[in-house]
Amino acid sequence: MAIAAVGQLCSTASMSHNLTQCRVLMQKAVAAGAKALFLPEASDYIAPSTSETISLAQPASSSPFVLGLQASAKEHRLPVNVGIHEPVRDGKKVKNTLIWIDECGEIKQRYQKLHLFDVDISGGPVLKESNGVEKGTEIVPPFQTAVGQVGMLICFDVCPPYFMEPALVPPLA
């Protein structure tokens, strides 16, 4: 049976610090014999404000964090599933994206979070992810990996019942 490693980190606003943490997790996954590593949403950074989140976003093709993970995936021959931020064209929001980097260091799958976490409790907390994050538009079909079929969802995406509707979810091969 193939081993899937799940890594956890406490992301900061420093992409270089977070990349270092992810590389350590990759080394641990390889040492444990894992055939894939799954990292959390927003592994590249967590910023203290929406404006800083937007200002830090970089395209995956030029992000030092993503490029570093791609190099490490290739070096260790270890696929990585990782959550990142990407800028949107108008620069007013970011995409909350999950990417699959294969063992050759190539981004083979990309998914953008569909169900954003918005809560406004009367007399209580207000948190509107939609203020700084652009909603995705499509479900990515499951794909084959060394650890089996993998589907892509991000955090709060698991809550809406429509993800569990057989008519909307592509059949497994």
Protein backbone atom coordinates (compact mmCIF):
# COMPACT_ATOMS: atom_id res chain seq x y z
CA MET A 1 0.00 0.00 0.00
CA ALA A 2 1.30 3.46 -0.91
CA ILE A 3 1.90 5.92 1.91
CA ALA A 4 0.48 9.43 1.67
CA ALA A 5 2.08 11.99 3.97
CA VAL A 6 0.09 14.88 5.39
CA GLY A 7 2.16 17.86 6.49
CA GLN A 8 1.10 20.66 8.77
CA LEU A 9 2.78 24.02 9.22
CA CYS A 10 2.03 27.38 10.73
CA SER A 11 2.37 29.67 7.73
CA THR A 12 3.55 33.23 8.26
CA ALA A 13 3.77 36.23 5.94
CA SER A 14 7.30 35.07 4.97
CA MET A 15 7.22 32.84 1.89
CA SER A 16 10.89 31.91 2.33
CA HIS A 17 10.27 30.78 5.91
CA ASN A 18 7.22 28.76 4.81
CA LEU A 19 9.14 27.20 1.92
CA THR A 20 11.83 26.08 4.38
CA GLN A 21 9.17 24.46 6.55
CA CYS A 22 7.64 22.71 3.52
CA ARG A 23 11.04 21.41 2.40
CA VAL A 24 11.60 19.90 5.87
CA LEU A 25 8.20 18.23 5.62
CA MET A 26 9.13 16.90 2.18
CA GLN A 27 12.35 15.39 3.58
CA LYS A 28 10.38 13.75 6.40
CA ALA A 29 7.82 12.40 3.93
CA VAL A 30 10.54 10.91 1.73
CA ALA A 31 12.28 9.37 4.77
CA ALA A 32 8.96 7.76 5.75
CA GLY A 33 8.54 6.27 2.27
CA ALA A 34 5.62 8.46 1.24
CA LYS A 35 4.56 8.54 -2.40
CA ALA A 36 2.88 11.97 -2.09
CA LEU A 37 2.76 14.87 0.36
CA PHE A 38 -0.38 16.87 1.09
CA LEU A 39 0.16 20.37 2.49
CA PRO A 40 -2.50 22.80 3.74
CA GLU A 41 -4.41 25.68 2.26
CA ALA A 42 -2.34 28.89 2.14
CA SER A 43 0.97 27.13 2.72
CA ASP A 44 2.77 29.90 0.84
CA TYR A 45 1.74 32.61 3.33
CA ILE A 46 -0.81 33.90 5.80
CA ALA A 47 -0.82 37.69 5.90
CA PRO A 48 -2.26 39.83 8.68
CA SER A 49 -4.62 41.76 6.38
CA THR A 50 -6.51 41.42 3.12
CA SER A 51 -4.44 44.17 1.52
CA GLU A 52 -1.18 42.43 2.44
CA THR A 53 -2.55 39.09 1.21
CA ILE A 54 -3.26 40.69 -2.15
CA SER A 55 0.11 42.45 -2.31
CA LEU A 56 2.04 39.23 -1.64
CA ALA A 57 0.29 37.15 -4.32
CA GLN A 58 2.42 36.05 -7.25
CA PRO A 59 1.68 33.91 -10.29
CA ALA A 60 2.66 30.28 -9.70
CA SER A 61 5.01 30.53 -12.68
CA SER A 62 7.18 33.14 -10.93
CA SER A 63 6.48 32.56 -7.21
CA PRO A 64 9.71 31.70 -5.36
CA PHE A 65 7.61 29.52 -3.05
CA VAL A 66 6.08 27.48 -5.89
CA LEU A 67 9.33 27.32 -7.87
CA GLY A 68 11.11 26.10 -4.73
CA LEU A 69 8.53 23.38 -4.16
CA GLN A 70 8.71 22.35 -7.81
CA ALA A 71 12.50 21.98 -7.53
CA SER A 72 12.18 19.97 -4.31
CA ALA A 73 9.45 17.74 -5.77
CA LYS A 74 11.72 16.97 -8.71
CA GLU A 75 14.78 16.45 -6.50
CA HIS A 76 12.96 14.04 -4.18
CA ARG A 77 10.69 12.55 -6.89
CA LEU A 78 7.77 13.32 -4.57
CA PRO A 79 4.44 14.75 -5.74
CA VAL A 80 3.08 17.59 -3.60
CA ASN A 81 -0.46 18.89 -3.20
CA VAL A 82 -0.25 22.43 -1.81
CA GLY A 83 -2.45 25.46 -1.24
CA ILE A 84 -1.23 28.81 -2.57
CA HIS A 85 -2.46 32.30 -3.39
CA GLU A 86 -2.47 33.61 -6.95
CA PRO A 87 -3.28 37.14 -8.10
CA VAL A 88 -6.38 37.91 -10.15
CA ARG A 89 -6.14 40.14 -13.21
CA ASP A 90 -7.62 43.26 -11.65
CA GLY A 91 -5.35 43.02 -8.61
CA LYS A 92 -8.24 43.51 -6.17
CA LYS A 93 -8.42 39.92 -4.89
CA VAL A 94 -6.48 36.66 -4.88
CA LYS A 95 -7.30 33.14 -5.97
CA ASN A 96 -7.20 30.54 -3.20
CA THR A 97 -5.64 27.76 -5.27
CA LEU A 98 -4.66 24.15 -4.73
CA ILE A 99 -2.00 22.78 -7.06
CA TRP A 100 -0.68 19.28 -7.69
CA ILE A 101 3.04 19.25 -8.45
CA ASP A 102 4.11 15.90 -9.87
CA GLU A 103 7.34 14.01 -9.19
CA CYS A 104 8.99 15.80 -12.13
CA GLY A 105 8.25 19.19 -10.57
CA GLU A 106 5.48 20.10 -13.03
CA ILE A 107 2.13 21.59 -12.02
CA LYS A 108 -0.34 19.04 -13.39
CA GLN A 109 -3.58 20.04 -11.66
CA ARG A 110 -5.01 23.32 -10.39
CA TYR A 111 -8.18 23.96 -8.44
CA GLN A 112 -9.60 27.28 -7.23
CA LYS A 113 -11.69 27.29 -4.04
CA LEU A 114 -15.40 27.43 -4.85
CA HIS A 115 -17.13 27.94 -1.53
CA LEU A 116 -15.76 30.95 0.34
CA PHE A 117 -16.13 31.26 4.10
CA ASP A 118 -18.36 34.25 4.82
CA VAL A 119 -19.91 34.68 8.25
CA ASP A 120 -21.66 37.70 9.71
CA ILE A 121 -23.15 36.99 13.11
CA SER A 122 -25.39 39.76 14.42
CA GLY A 123 -23.58 41.26 17.39
CA GLY A 124 -20.71 38.83 16.85
CA PRO A 125 -17.81 38.14 14.54
CA VAL A 126 -17.71 39.08 10.88
CA LEU A 127 -15.39 37.23 8.54
CA LYS A 128 -15.83 37.61 4.78
CA GLU A 129 -13.32 35.60 2.79
CA SER A 130 -15.07 36.93 -0.33
CA ASN A 131 -13.74 40.44 0.43
CA GLY A 132 -10.28 39.37 -0.73
CA VAL A 133 -10.70 36.05 -2.53
CA GLU A 134 -12.16 35.40 -5.97
CA LYS A 135 -14.50 32.42 -6.07
CA GLY A 136 -13.60 29.51 -8.35
CA THR A 137 -15.95 28.28 -11.05
CA GLU A 138 -15.43 24.55 -11.54
CA ILE A 139 -14.95 21.19 -9.86
CA VAL A 140 -11.80 19.38 -10.97
CA PRO A 141 -12.36 15.69 -11.75
CA PRO A 142 -10.41 13.20 -9.60
CA PHE A 143 -7.12 12.10 -11.12
CA GLN A 144 -4.86 9.09 -10.72
CA THR A 145 -1.73 9.32 -8.55
CA ALA A 146 0.69 6.91 -6.88
CA VAL A 147 -1.56 7.00 -3.79
CA GLY A 148 -4.79 6.41 -5.73
CA GLN A 149 -7.51 8.72 -7.04
CA VAL A 150 -7.17 12.28 -5.73
CA GLY A 151 -9.90 14.90 -5.76
CA MET A 152 -9.29 18.55 -5.00
CA LEU A 153 -11.26 20.63 -2.50
CA ILE A 154 -10.16 23.38 -0.10
CA CYS A 155 -11.29 23.68 3.51
CA PHE A 156 -14.86 25.03 3.57
CA ASP A 157 -15.57 23.43 0.17
CA VAL A 158 -16.45 20.20 2.00
CA CYS A 159 -19.47 21.82 3.68
CA PRO A 160 -21.86 22.49 0.75
CA PRO A 161 -23.91 19.38 -0.03
CA TYR A 162 -23.62 19.90 -3.79
CA PHE A 163 -20.12 18.43 -3.72
CA MET A 164 -21.66 15.17 -2.65
CA GLU A 165 -24.29 15.13 -5.42
CA PRO A 166 -23.49 12.20 -7.73
CA ALA A 167 -24.64 14.15 -10.81
CA LEU A 168 -22.05 16.89 -10.16
CA VAL A 169 -19.10 14.75 -9.11
CA PRO A 170 -17.32 13.02 -12.00
CA PRO A 171 -17.35 9.20 -11.67
CA LEU A 172 -14.21 7.48 -10.46
CA ALA A 173 -12.42 5.43 -13.09
